[in-house]
Amino acid sequence: MSSDDEGVAELESRLEDVNLEDIGARHRRERKELQAKLQAMKKNAPKNNKNKRKEFLEEMARLEGELEQRHKAELKAAEANEAPEVLEVREPAEKPKAVVPDEEEDEEKEEQLTSNLRVSKAQKRRDKKAKEARARDAEIKTELQNAANQPTPKLIELQQITAKLSQRQLCLHNIPSDGDCLYQSIRHQLIVNALPGHSVQELREETANYVRAHKDSLISYMVHPETGDLLNDEQFEQYCHDIAKTHAWGGHIELKAISSLLRVPIEVIQAEGAPTLLGQEEFGGSPLVICYHRHIYQLGAHYNSTVPAA
């Protein structure tokens, strides 16, 4: 057998091993890579130079056309089990004629693409949070079921809080442990009780302003976590800054501030002892009900919200 015959035989053997599913996967990957490249090109295309912009668009159309032609040829060759020379990438003799949209149409497409990207990212964040919430619910249910065999402090605490809530026809509503759990719990309670809503950032900024305005009455309760000494003026200002601008965890002082700001009582249920009730005498009415956990997470204390039992 001649060397040419051997080469043809080898190519035919390689073609027989081609899997349409593998080709399809590679095509999808190449299209995805090309789209990323085209987005970068579109972003870098000069908006004020129509000639340059036209060249960019023609080049983008050429790349898309070449990829589409090559993919069709590869699929056709794989399906018909033909000679694979059609898989070669050749530069076209002439650039394909691109249909260049006018400037207004192109800008509309760019705006639509940007909007779609924003929606996609927002949906991904919502899907991620929903997935995490489902995972936490499943974890808590599993741990409660196994509590009789493995009575850890976390499970005992969950049982006690769940029992207290059940007596009041309430259920636990899980809040992410991201440093904003106190403010997220209050925000959720405002929604549950059909009260005027506040974002987490609004609650943080208003709480920081309240603490600054009532420094004289609050400073005696504010100590440095490492030394145990009362905060000095510089440390007090840093404390207020952290409330407003970071994910600093909130406690009793922040709860007192939020109750006064919203003019609504806040009740904090915990595993042991009576609930803590703030603002009942000043404002009256039904309180916002949240839960305080000492053992649910290894990183420290945590707040959850509540919902009426279905």
C-alpha atoms as a PDB file:
ATOM      1  CA  MET A   1       0.000   0.000   0.000  1.00  0.00           C
ATOM      2  CA  SER A   2       1.374   3.431  -0.961  1.00  0.00           C
ATOM      3  CA  SER A   3       1.879   6.218   1.561  1.00  0.00           C
ATOM      4  CA  ASP A   4      -1.042   8.124  -0.028  1.00  0.00           C
ATOM      5  CA  ASP A   5      -3.339   5.124   0.438  1.00  0.00           C
ATOM      6  CA  GLU A   6      -2.194   4.754   4.018  1.00  0.00           C
ATOM      7  CA  GLY A   7      -2.972   8.463   4.677  1.00  0.00           C
ATOM      8  CA  VAL A   8      -6.463   8.135   3.207  1.00  0.00           C
ATOM      9  CA  ALA A   9      -7.108   5.012   5.285  1.00  0.00           C
ATOM     10  CA  GLU A  10      -5.977   6.773   8.419  1.00  0.00           C
ATOM     11  CA  LEU A  11      -8.242   9.784   7.729  1.00  0.00           C
ATOM     12  CA  GLU A  12     -11.196   7.478   7.047  1.00  0.00           C
ATOM     13  CA  SER A  13     -10.514   5.667  10.310  1.00  0.00           C
ATOM     14  CA  ARG A  14     -10.442   8.964  12.208  1.00  0.00           C
ATOM     15  CA  LEU A  15     -13.688  10.042  10.571  1.00  0.00           C
ATOM     16  CA  GLU A  16     -15.397   6.834  11.682  1.00  0.00           C
ATOM     17  CA  ASP A  17     -14.530   7.714  15.262  1.00  0.00           C
ATOM     18  CA  VAL A  18     -16.154  11.136  14.938  1.00  0.00           C
ATOM     19  CA  ASN A  19     -19.175  11.325  17.195  1.00  0.00           C
ATOM     20  CA  LEU A  20     -21.966  13.658  16.168  1.00  0.00           C
ATOM     21  CA  GLU A  21     -22.643  14.448  19.808  1.00  0.00           C
ATOM     22  CA  ASP A  22     -18.989  15.424  20.323  1.00  0.00           C
ATOM     23  CA  ILE A  23     -19.082  17.584  17.208  1.00  0.00           C
ATOM     24  CA  GLY A  24     -22.268  19.244  18.411  1.00  0.00           C
ATOM     25  CA  ALA A  25     -20.699  19.951  21.804  1.00  0.00           C
ATOM     26  CA  ARG A  26     -17.618  21.418  20.160  1.00  0.00           C
ATOM     27  CA  HIS A  27     -19.779  23.535  17.868  1.00  0.00           C
ATOM     28  CA  ARG A  28     -21.707  24.917  20.821  1.00  0.00           C
ATOM     29  CA  ARG A  29     -18.476  25.735  22.575  1.00  0.00           C
ATOM     30  CA  GLU A  30     -17.059  27.457  19.494  1.00  0.00           C
ATOM     31  CA  ARG A  31     -20.254  29.475  19.008  1.00  0.00           C
ATOM     32  CA  LYS A  32     -20.117  30.552  22.639  1.00  0.00           C
ATOM     33  CA  GLU A  33     -16.474  31.595  22.276  1.00  0.00           C
ATOM     34  CA  LEU A  34     -17.267  33.490  19.083  1.00  0.00           C
ATOM     35  CA  GLN A  35     -20.175  35.312  20.741  1.00  0.00           C
ATOM     36  CA  ALA A  36     -17.852  36.410  23.533  1.00  0.00           C
ATOM     37  CA  LYS A  37     -15.356  37.627  20.953  1.00  0.00           C
ATOM     38  CA  LEU A  38     -18.078  39.454  19.010  1.00  0.00           C
ATOM     39  CA  GLN A  39     -19.311  41.148  22.166  1.00  0.00           C
ATOM     40  CA  ALA A  40     -15.808  42.371  22.879  1.00  0.00           C
ATOM     41  CA  MET A  41     -15.469  43.633  19.310  1.00  0.00           C
ATOM     42  CA  LYS A  42     -18.820  45.401  19.475  1.00  0.00           C
ATOM     43  CA  LYS A  43     -17.838  47.016  22.758  1.00  0.00           C
ATOM     44  CA  ASN A  44     -14.581  48.278  21.264  1.00  0.00           C
ATOM     45  CA  ALA A  45     -16.129  49.433  17.978  1.00  0.00           C
ATOM     46  CA  PRO A  46     -15.802  53.225  17.612  1.00  0.00           C
ATOM     47  CA  LYS A  47     -19.242  54.831  17.831  1.00  0.00           C
ATOM     48  CA  ASN A  48     -18.308  58.164  16.301  1.00  0.00           C
ATOM     49  CA  ASN A  49     -16.496  56.810  13.211  1.00  0.00           C
ATOM     50  CA  LYS A  50     -19.022  55.274  10.825  1.00  0.00           C
ATOM     51  CA  ASN A  51     -16.396  53.866   8.459  1.00  0.00           C
ATOM     52  CA  LYS A  52     -14.492  52.117  11.221  1.00  0.00           C
ATOM     53  CA  ARG A  53     -17.719  50.890  12.754  1.00  0.00           C
ATOM     54  CA  LYS A  54     -18.785  49.497   9.385  1.00  0.00           C
ATOM     55  CA  GLU A  55     -15.468  47.635   9.110  1.00  0.00           C
ATOM     56  CA  PHE A  56     -15.989  46.163  12.568  1.00  0.00           C
ATOM     57  CA  LEU A  57     -19.483  44.985  11.687  1.00  0.00           C
ATOM     58  CA  GLU A  58     -18.325  43.489   8.382  1.00  0.00           C
ATOM     59  CA  GLU A  59     -15.541  41.626  10.171  1.00  0.00           C
ATOM     60  CA  MET A  60     -18.027  40.300  12.748  1.00  0.00           C
ATOM     61  CA  ALA A  61     -20.354  39.145   9.973  1.00  0.00           C
ATOM     62  CA  ARG A  62     -17.443  37.433   8.217  1.00  0.00           C
ATOM     63  CA  LEU A  63     -16.434  35.542  11.355  1.00  0.00           C
ATOM     64  CA  GLU A  64     -19.996  34.412  11.955  1.00  0.00           C
ATOM     65  CA  GLY A  65     -20.374  33.331   8.315  1.00  0.00           C
ATOM     66  CA  GLU A  66     -17.127  31.357   8.308  1.00  0.00           C
ATOM     67  CA  LEU A  67     -18.013  29.542  11.516  1.00  0.00           C
ATOM     68  CA  GLU A  68     -21.488  28.672  10.241  1.00  0.00           C
ATOM     69  CA  GLN A  69     -20.143  27.367   6.916  1.00  0.00           C
ATOM     70  CA  ARG A  70     -17.476  25.279   8.633  1.00  0.00           C
ATOM     71  CA  HIS A  71     -19.960  23.781  11.085  1.00  0.00           C
ATOM     72  CA  LYS A  72     -22.345  22.825   8.277  1.00  0.00           C
ATOM     73  CA  ALA A  73     -19.511  21.224   6.325  1.00  0.00           C
ATOM     74  CA  GLU A  74     -18.278  19.267   9.349  1.00  0.00           C
ATOM     75  CA  LEU A  75     -21.745  17.957  10.169  1.00  0.00           C
ATOM     76  CA  LYS A  76     -22.387  17.000   6.562  1.00  0.00           C
ATOM     77  CA  ALA A  77     -19.060  15.181   6.322  1.00  0.00           C
ATOM     78  CA  ALA A  78     -19.621  13.367   9.616  1.00  0.00           C
ATOM     79  CA  GLU A  79     -23.141  12.268   8.681  1.00  0.00           C
ATOM     80  CA  ALA A  80     -22.191  11.106   5.200  1.00  0.00           C
ATOM     81  CA  ASN A  81     -18.869   9.635   6.355  1.00  0.00           C
ATOM     82  CA  GLU A  82     -17.123  11.520   3.534  1.00  0.00           C
ATOM     83  CA  ALA A  83     -13.482  12.460   3.218  1.00  0.00           C
ATOM     84  CA  PRO A  84     -12.569  14.944   5.964  1.00  0.00           C
ATOM     85  CA  GLU A  85     -10.867  17.485   3.820  1.00  0.00           C
ATOM     86  CA  VAL A  86     -14.041  19.572   4.141  1.00  0.00           C
ATOM     87  CA  LEU A  87     -13.038  20.096   7.767  1.00  0.00           C
ATOM     88  CA  GLU A  88     -10.201  22.359   6.677  1.00  0.00           C
ATOM     89  CA  VAL A  89     -10.606  26.064   7.375  1.00  0.00           C
ATOM     90  CA  ARG A  90      -9.928  28.064   4.231  1.00  0.00           C
ATOM     91  CA  GLU A  91      -9.944  31.781   3.853  1.00  0.00           C
ATOM     92  CA  PRO A  92     -12.740  32.730   1.442  1.00  0.00           C
ATOM     93  CA  ALA A  93     -11.708  34.189  -1.864  1.00  0.00           C
ATOM     94  CA  GLU A  94     -13.933  37.153  -1.161  1.00  0.00           C
ATOM     95  CA  LYS A  95     -15.309  38.507   2.053  1.00  0.00           C
ATOM     96  CA  PRO A  96     -19.011  37.760   2.402  1.00  0.00           C
ATOM     97  CA  LYS A  97     -21.104  40.786   1.904  1.00  0.00           C
ATOM     98  CA  ALA A  98     -22.338  41.866   5.305  1.00  0.00           C
ATOM     99  CA  VAL A  99     -25.702  43.407   5.857  1.00  0.00           C
ATOM    100  CA  VAL A 100     -24.740  46.417   7.920  1.00  0.00           C
ATOM    101  CA  PRO A 101     -27.570  47.843  10.003  1.00  0.00           C
ATOM    102  CA  ASP A 102     -27.877  51.561  10.333  1.00  0.00           C
ATOM    103  CA  GLU A 103     -26.501  53.249  13.422  1.00  0.00           C
ATOM    104  CA  GLU A 104     -29.850  53.629  15.207  1.00  0.00           C
ATOM    105  CA  GLU A 105     -30.755  49.975  14.690  1.00  0.00           C
ATOM    106  CA  ASP A 106     -27.338  48.865  15.963  1.00  0.00           C
ATOM    107  CA  GLU A 107     -27.642  51.028  19.067  1.00  0.00           C
ATOM    108  CA  GLU A 108     -31.079  49.561  19.771  1.00  0.00           C
ATOM    109  CA  LYS A 109     -29.627  46.054  19.542  1.00  0.00           C
ATOM    110  CA  GLU A 110     -26.813  46.994  21.909  1.00  0.00           C
ATOM    111  CA  GLU A 111     -29.277  48.434  24.416  1.00  0.00           C
ATOM    112  CA  GLN A 112     -31.445  45.314  24.172  1.00  0.00           C
ATOM    113  CA  LEU A 113     -28.410  43.067  24.672  1.00  0.00           C
ATOM    114  CA  THR A 114     -27.317  45.056  27.729  1.00  0.00           C
ATOM    115  CA  SER A 115     -30.838  44.854  29.146  1.00  0.00           C
ATOM    116  CA  ASN A 116     -30.951  41.093  28.564  1.00  0.00           C
ATOM    117  CA  LEU A 117     -27.603  40.663  30.305  1.00  0.00           C
ATOM    118  CA  ARG A 118     -28.849  42.617  33.326  1.00  0.00           C
ATOM    119  CA  VAL A 119     -32.011  40.510  33.489  1.00  0.00           C
ATOM    120  CA  SER A 120     -29.986  37.332  33.162  1.00  0.00           C
ATOM    121  CA  LYS A 121     -27.634  38.273  36.006  1.00  0.00           C
ATOM    122  CA  ALA A 122     -30.539  39.294  38.233  1.00  0.00           C
ATOM    123  CA  GLN A 123     -32.336  36.020  37.496  1.00  0.00           C
ATOM    124  CA  LYS A 124     -29.178  34.078  38.302  1.00  0.00           C
ATOM    125  CA  ARG A 125     -28.933  35.829  41.665  1.00  0.00           C
ATOM    126  CA  ARG A 126     -32.585  35.047  42.413  1.00  0.00           C
ATOM    127  CA  ASP A 127     -32.146  31.422  41.388  1.00  0.00           C
ATOM    128  CA  LYS A 128     -29.038  31.119  43.577  1.00  0.00           C
ATOM    129  CA  LYS A 129     -30.826  32.556  46.617  1.00  0.00           C
ATOM    130  CA  ALA A 130     -33.836  30.290  46.049  1.00  0.00           C
ATOM    131  CA  LYS A 131     -31.545  27.262  45.769  1.00  0.00           C
ATOM    132  CA  GLU A 132     -29.732  28.194  48.972  1.00  0.00           C
ATOM    133  CA  ALA A 133     -33.048  28.692  50.782  1.00  0.00           C
ATOM    134  CA  ARG A 134     -34.288  25.266  49.656  1.00  0.00           C
ATOM    135  CA  ALA A 135     -31.024  23.699  50.794  1.00  0.00           C
ATOM    136  CA  ARG A 136     -31.302  25.320  54.240  1.00  0.00           C
ATOM    137  CA  ASP A 137     -34.926  24.194  54.599  1.00  0.00           C
ATOM    138  CA  ALA A 138     -33.982  20.635  53.680  1.00  0.00           C
ATOM    139  CA  GLU A 139     -31.031  20.693  56.084  1.00  0.00           C
ATOM    140  CA  ILE A 140     -33.164  21.919  58.982  1.00  0.00           C
ATOM    141  CA  LYS A 141     -35.884  19.334  58.321  1.00  0.00           C
ATOM    142  CA  THR A 142     -33.314  16.540  58.157  1.00  0.00           C
ATOM    143  CA  GLU A 143     -31.613  17.682  61.336  1.00  0.00           C
ATOM    144  CA  LEU A 144     -34.911  17.937  63.188  1.00  0.00           C
ATOM    145  CA  GLN A 145     -35.800  14.402  62.114  1.00  0.00           C
ATOM    146  CA  ASN A 146     -32.452  13.123  63.390  1.00  0.00           C
ATOM    147  CA  ALA A 147     -32.472  15.221  66.550  1.00  0.00           C
ATOM    148  CA  ALA A 148     -33.556  12.314  68.764  1.00  0.00           C
ATOM    149  CA  ASN A 149     -30.443  10.363  67.791  1.00  0.00           C
ATOM    150  CA  GLN A 150     -27.981  13.294  67.685  1.00  0.00           C
ATOM    151  CA  PRO A 151     -29.080  16.018  70.147  1.00  0.00           C
ATOM    152  CA  THR A 152     -26.486  18.683  69.268  1.00  0.00           C
ATOM    153  CA  PRO A 153     -26.840  22.233  70.671  1.00  0.00           C
ATOM    154  CA  LYS A 154     -27.895  23.433  67.225  1.00  0.00           C
ATOM    155  CA  LEU A 155     -30.667  20.854  66.929  1.00  0.00           C
ATOM    156  CA  ILE A 156     -31.859  21.335  70.499  1.00  0.00           C
ATOM    157  CA  GLU A 157     -32.085  25.074  69.888  1.00  0.00           C
ATOM    158  CA  LEU A 158     -34.015  24.543  66.648  1.00  0.00           C
ATOM    159  CA  GLN A 159     -36.468  22.233  68.410  1.00  0.00           C
ATOM    160  CA  GLN A 160     -37.065  24.716  71.213  1.00  0.00           C
ATOM    161  CA  ILE A 161     -37.568  27.700  68.895  1.00  0.00           C
ATOM    162  CA  THR A 162     -39.776  25.687  66.522  1.00  0.00           C
ATOM    163  CA  ALA A 163     -41.937  24.547  69.459  1.00  0.00           C
ATOM    164  CA  LYS A 164     -42.380  28.129  70.690  1.00  0.00           C
ATOM    165  CA  LEU A 165     -43.321  29.310  67.237  1.00  0.00           C
ATOM    166  CA  SER A 166     -45.764  26.428  66.778  1.00  0.00           C
ATOM    167  CA  GLN A 167     -47.651  27.498  69.929  1.00  0.00           C
ATOM    168  CA  ARG A 168     -48.188  30.861  68.279  1.00  0.00           C
ATOM    169  CA  GLN A 169     -49.141  29.405  64.871  1.00  0.00           C
ATOM    170  CA  LEU A 170     -45.860  30.622  63.375  1.00  0.00           C
ATOM    171  CA  CYS A 171     -43.125  28.959  61.324  1.00  0.00           C
ATOM    172  CA  LEU A 172     -39.438  29.740  60.890  1.00  0.00           C
ATOM    173  CA  HIS A 173     -38.456  31.688  57.775  1.00  0.00           C
ATOM    174  CA  ASN A 174     -34.758  31.302  56.970  1.00  0.00           C
ATOM    175  CA  ILE A 175     -32.622  34.375  56.282  1.00  0.00           C
ATOM    176  CA  PRO A 176     -29.150  34.191  54.629  1.00  0.00           C
ATOM    177  CA  SER A 177     -26.197  34.405  57.028  1.00  0.00           C
ATOM    178  CA  ASP A 178     -24.405  37.244  55.209  1.00  0.00           C
ATOM    179  CA  GLY A 179     -24.023  39.815  57.993  1.00  0.00           C
ATOM    180  CA  ASP A 180     -27.325  41.487  57.048  1.00  0.00           C
ATOM    181  CA  CYS A 181     -29.529  38.887  58.771  1.00  0.00           C
ATOM    182  CA  LEU A 182     -30.971  41.338  61.329  1.00  0.00           C
ATOM    183  CA  TYR A 183     -31.905  43.893  58.676  1.00  0.00           C
ATOM    184  CA  GLN A 184     -33.130  41.228  56.250  1.00  0.00           C
ATOM    185  CA  SER A 185     -35.350  39.775  59.013  1.00  0.00           C
ATOM    186  CA  ILE A 186     -36.869  43.188  59.756  1.00  0.00           C
ATOM    187  CA  ARG A 187     -37.375  43.876  56.056  1.00  0.00           C
ATOM    188  CA  HIS A 188     -39.145  40.521  55.661  1.00  0.00           C
ATOM    189  CA  GLN A 189     -41.377  41.248  58.674  1.00  0.00           C
ATOM    190  CA  LEU A 190     -42.416  44.576  57.182  1.00  0.00           C
ATOM    191  CA  ILE A 191     -43.532  42.716  54.063  1.00  0.00           C
ATOM    192  CA  VAL A 192     -45.336  39.984  56.046  1.00  0.00           C
ATOM    193  CA  ASN A 193     -47.201  42.592  58.104  1.00  0.00           C
ATOM    194  CA  ALA A 194     -48.025  44.787  55.077  1.00  0.00           C
ATOM    195  CA  LEU A 195     -46.100  47.750  56.498  1.00  0.00           C
ATOM    196  CA  PRO A 196     -44.169  50.350  54.484  1.00  0.00           C
ATOM    197  CA  GLY A 197     -41.083  48.664  53.085  1.00  0.00           C
ATOM    198  CA  HIS A 198     -37.425  49.562  53.518  1.00  0.00           C
ATOM    199  CA  SER A 199     -34.401  48.166  51.743  1.00  0.00           C
ATOM    200  CA  VAL A 200     -31.554  46.718  53.788  1.00  0.00           C
ATOM    201  CA  GLN A 201     -29.350  49.685  52.895  1.00  0.00           C
ATOM    202  CA  GLU A 202     -32.040  52.161  53.945  1.00  0.00           C
ATOM    203  CA  LEU A 203     -32.446  50.382  57.277  1.00  0.00           C
ATOM    204  CA  ARG A 204     -28.692  50.430  57.840  1.00  0.00           C
ATOM    205  CA  GLU A 205     -28.272  54.128  57.044  1.00  0.00           C
ATOM    206  CA  GLU A 206     -31.276  55.184  59.138  1.00  0.00           C
ATOM    207  CA  THR A 207     -30.057  53.037  62.041  1.00  0.00           C
ATOM    208  CA  ALA A 208     -26.586  54.610  61.881  1.00  0.00           C
ATOM    209  CA  ASN A 209     -28.133  58.108  61.886  1.00  0.00           C
ATOM    210  CA  TYR A 210     -30.304  57.211  64.894  1.00  0.00           C
ATOM    211  CA  VAL A 211     -27.335  55.883  66.886  1.00  0.00           C
ATOM    212  CA  ARG A 212     -25.332  59.051  66.122  1.00  0.00           C
ATOM    213  CA  ALA A 213     -28.260  61.267  67.174  1.00  0.00           C
ATOM    214  CA  HIS A 214     -28.687  59.355  70.471  1.00  0.00           C
ATOM    215  CA  LYS A 215     -25.033  58.929  71.327  1.00  0.00           C
ATOM    216  CA  ASP A 216     -25.422  60.215  74.909  1.00  0.00           C
ATOM    217  CA  SER A 217     -28.042  57.600  75.824  1.00  0.00           C
ATOM    218  CA  LEU A 218     -26.420  54.693  73.939  1.00  0.00           C
ATOM    219  CA  ILE A 219     -22.684  55.130  74.441  1.00  0.00           C
ATOM    220  CA  SER A 220     -22.796  53.658  77.967  1.00  0.00           C
ATOM    221  CA  TYR A 221     -23.884  50.306  76.448  1.00  0.00           C
ATOM    222  CA  MET A 222     -21.294  50.246  73.679  1.00  0.00           C
ATOM    223  CA  VAL A 223     -18.016  48.470  74.499  1.00  0.00           C
ATOM    224  CA  HIS A 224     -15.037  47.387  72.441  1.00  0.00           C
ATOM    225  CA  PRO A 225     -15.353  43.647  71.627  1.00  0.00           C
ATOM    226  CA  GLU A 226     -11.675  42.950  72.401  1.00  0.00           C
ATOM    227  CA  THR A 227     -10.917  45.168  75.387  1.00  0.00           C
ATOM    228  CA  GLY A 228     -14.364  45.454  76.982  1.00  0.00           C
ATOM    229  CA  ASP A 229     -13.820  49.202  77.447  1.00  0.00           C
ATOM    230  CA  LEU A 230     -16.411  51.789  76.503  1.00  0.00           C
ATOM    231  CA  LEU A 231     -15.964  53.164  73.006  1.00  0.00           C
ATOM    232  CA  ASN A 232     -14.149  56.449  72.606  1.00  0.00           C
ATOM    233  CA  ASP A 233     -15.329  59.095  70.114  1.00  0.00           C
ATOM    234  CA  GLU A 234     -13.251  57.700  67.245  1.00  0.00           C
ATOM    235  CA  GLN A 235     -14.395  54.132  67.877  1.00  0.00           C
ATOM    236  CA  PHE A 236     -18.009  55.292  68.182  1.00  0.00           C
ATOM    237  CA  GLU A 237     -17.864  56.993  64.785  1.00  0.00           C
ATOM    238  CA  GLN A 238     -16.287  53.868  63.258  1.00  0.00           C
ATOM    239  CA  TYR A 239     -19.112  51.808  64.781  1.00  0.00           C
ATOM    240  CA  CYS A 240     -21.717  54.034  63.080  1.00  0.00           C
ATOM    241  CA  HIS A 241     -19.798  53.929  59.803  1.00  0.00           C
ATOM    242  CA  ASP A 242     -19.743  50.108  59.902  1.00  0.00           C
ATOM    243  CA  ILE A 243     -23.516  50.005  60.452  1.00  0.00           C
ATOM    244  CA  ALA A 244     -24.175  52.125  57.355  1.00  0.00           C
ATOM    245  CA  LYS A 245     -21.433  51.047  54.969  1.00  0.00           C
ATOM    246  CA  THR A 246     -20.520  47.411  55.726  1.00  0.00           C
ATOM    247  CA  HIS A 247     -22.195  44.075  56.491  1.00  0.00           C
ATOM    248  CA  ALA A 248     -21.522  44.490  60.213  1.00  0.00           C
ATOM    249  CA  TRP A 249     -23.736  42.243  62.334  1.00  0.00           C
ATOM    250  CA  GLY A 250     -26.468  43.971  64.359  1.00  0.00           C
ATOM    251  CA  GLY A 251     -27.568  43.399  67.948  1.00  0.00           C
ATOM    252  CA  HIS A 252     -29.694  44.881  70.725  1.00  0.00           C
ATOM    253  CA  ILE A 253     -28.653  48.494  70.095  1.00  0.00           C
ATOM    254  CA  GLU A 254     -29.590  48.242  66.419  1.00  0.00           C
ATOM    255  CA  LEU A 255     -32.908  46.567  67.287  1.00  0.00           C
ATOM    256  CA  LYS A 256     -33.750  49.384  69.685  1.00  0.00           C
ATOM    257  CA  ALA A 257     -32.887  51.946  67.017  1.00  0.00           C
ATOM    258  CA  ILE A 258     -34.976  50.204  64.341  1.00  0.00           C
ATOM    259  CA  SER A 259     -37.982  49.890  66.652  1.00  0.00           C
ATOM    260  CA  SER A 260     -37.835  53.633  67.367  1.00  0.00           C
ATOM    261  CA  LEU A 261     -37.294  54.511  63.701  1.00  0.00           C
ATOM    262  CA  LEU A 262     -40.205  52.409  62.445  1.00  0.00           C
ATOM    263  CA  ARG A 263     -42.365  53.162  65.519  1.00  0.00           C
ATOM    264  CA  VAL A 264     -43.313  49.524  65.828  1.00  0.00           C
ATOM    265  CA  PRO A 265     -42.609  46.927  68.564  1.00  0.00           C
ATOM    266  CA  ILE A 266     -40.090  44.175  67.813  1.00  0.00           C
ATOM    267  CA  GLU A 267     -40.209  40.797  69.566  1.00  0.00           C
ATOM    268  CA  VAL A 268     -37.178  38.507  69.572  1.00  0.00           C
ATOM    269  CA  ILE A 269     -37.834  34.824  70.294  1.00  0.00           C
ATOM    270  CA  GLN A 270     -34.944  32.640  71.480  1.00  0.00           C
ATOM    271  CA  ALA A 271     -34.592  29.043  72.591  1.00  0.00           C
ATOM    272  CA  GLU A 272     -34.209  29.707  76.310  1.00  0.00           C
ATOM    273  CA  GLY A 273     -35.907  32.335  78.388  1.00  0.00           C
ATOM    274  CA  ALA A 274     -38.714  34.751  77.700  1.00  0.00           C
ATOM    275  CA  PRO A 275     -38.881  36.698  74.447  1.00  0.00           C
ATOM    276  CA  THR A 276     -37.282  40.153  74.302  1.00  0.00           C
ATOM    277  CA  LEU A 277     -39.854  42.821  73.505  1.00  0.00           C
ATOM    278  CA  LEU A 278     -38.786  46.320  72.458  1.00  0.00           C
ATOM    279  CA  GLY A 279     -41.021  49.343  71.891  1.00  0.00           C
ATOM    280  CA  GLN A 280     -44.281  47.793  73.122  1.00  0.00           C
ATOM    281  CA  GLU A 281     -44.964  50.486  75.706  1.00  0.00           C
ATOM    282  CA  GLU A 282     -44.061  53.337  73.373  1.00  0.00           C
ATOM    283  CA  PHE A 283     -45.855  52.209  70.215  1.00  0.00           C
ATOM    284  CA  GLY A 284     -48.264  49.332  70.995  1.00  0.00           C
ATOM    285  CA  GLY A 285     -49.827  47.135  68.354  1.00  0.00           C
ATOM    286  CA  SER A 286     -48.656  43.784  66.961  1.00  0.00           C
ATOM    287  CA  PRO A 287     -44.878  43.383  67.039  1.00  0.00           C
ATOM    288  CA  LEU A 288     -42.550  42.253  64.308  1.00  0.00           C
ATOM    289  CA  VAL A 289     -41.505  38.722  65.342  1.00  0.00           C
ATOM    290  CA  ILE A 290     -37.987  37.492  64.624  1.00  0.00           C
ATOM    291  CA  CYS A 291     -35.835  34.677  66.072  1.00  0.00           C
ATOM    292  CA  TYR A 292     -32.375  34.797  67.623  1.00  0.00           C
ATOM    293  CA  HIS A 293     -30.105  31.743  67.217  1.00  0.00           C
ATOM    294  CA  ARG A 294     -26.858  31.175  69.104  1.00  0.00           C
ATOM    295  CA  HIS A 295     -25.879  27.814  67.598  1.00  0.00           C
ATOM    296  CA  ILE A 296     -27.368  27.566  64.106  1.00  0.00           C
ATOM    297  CA  TYR A 297     -24.102  28.603  62.418  1.00  0.00           C
ATOM    298  CA  GLN A 298     -20.519  28.038  63.510  1.00  0.00           C
ATOM    299  CA  LEU A 299     -19.538  31.637  62.729  1.00  0.00           C
ATOM    300  CA  GLY A 300     -21.765  33.060  65.475  1.00  0.00           C
ATOM    301  CA  ALA A 301     -25.248  34.273  66.297  1.00  0.00           C
ATOM    302  CA  HIS A 302     -27.927  34.661  63.641  1.00  0.00           C
ATOM    303  CA  TYR A 303     -31.406  36.142  63.148  1.00  0.00           C
ATOM    304  CA  ASN A 304     -34.271  34.504  61.251  1.00  0.00           C
ATOM    305  CA  SER A 305     -37.738  35.786  60.444  1.00  0.00           C
ATOM    306  CA  THR A 306     -41.144  34.137  60.897  1.00  0.00           C
ATOM    307  CA  VAL A 307     -44.282  33.548  58.838  1.00  0.00           C
ATOM    308  CA  PRO A 308     -47.823  32.473  59.790  1.00  0.00           C
ATOM    309  CA  ALA A 309     -48.227  28.697  59.805  1.00  0.00           C
ATOM    310  CA  ALA A 310     -49.926  27.473  56.643  1.00  0.00           C
END
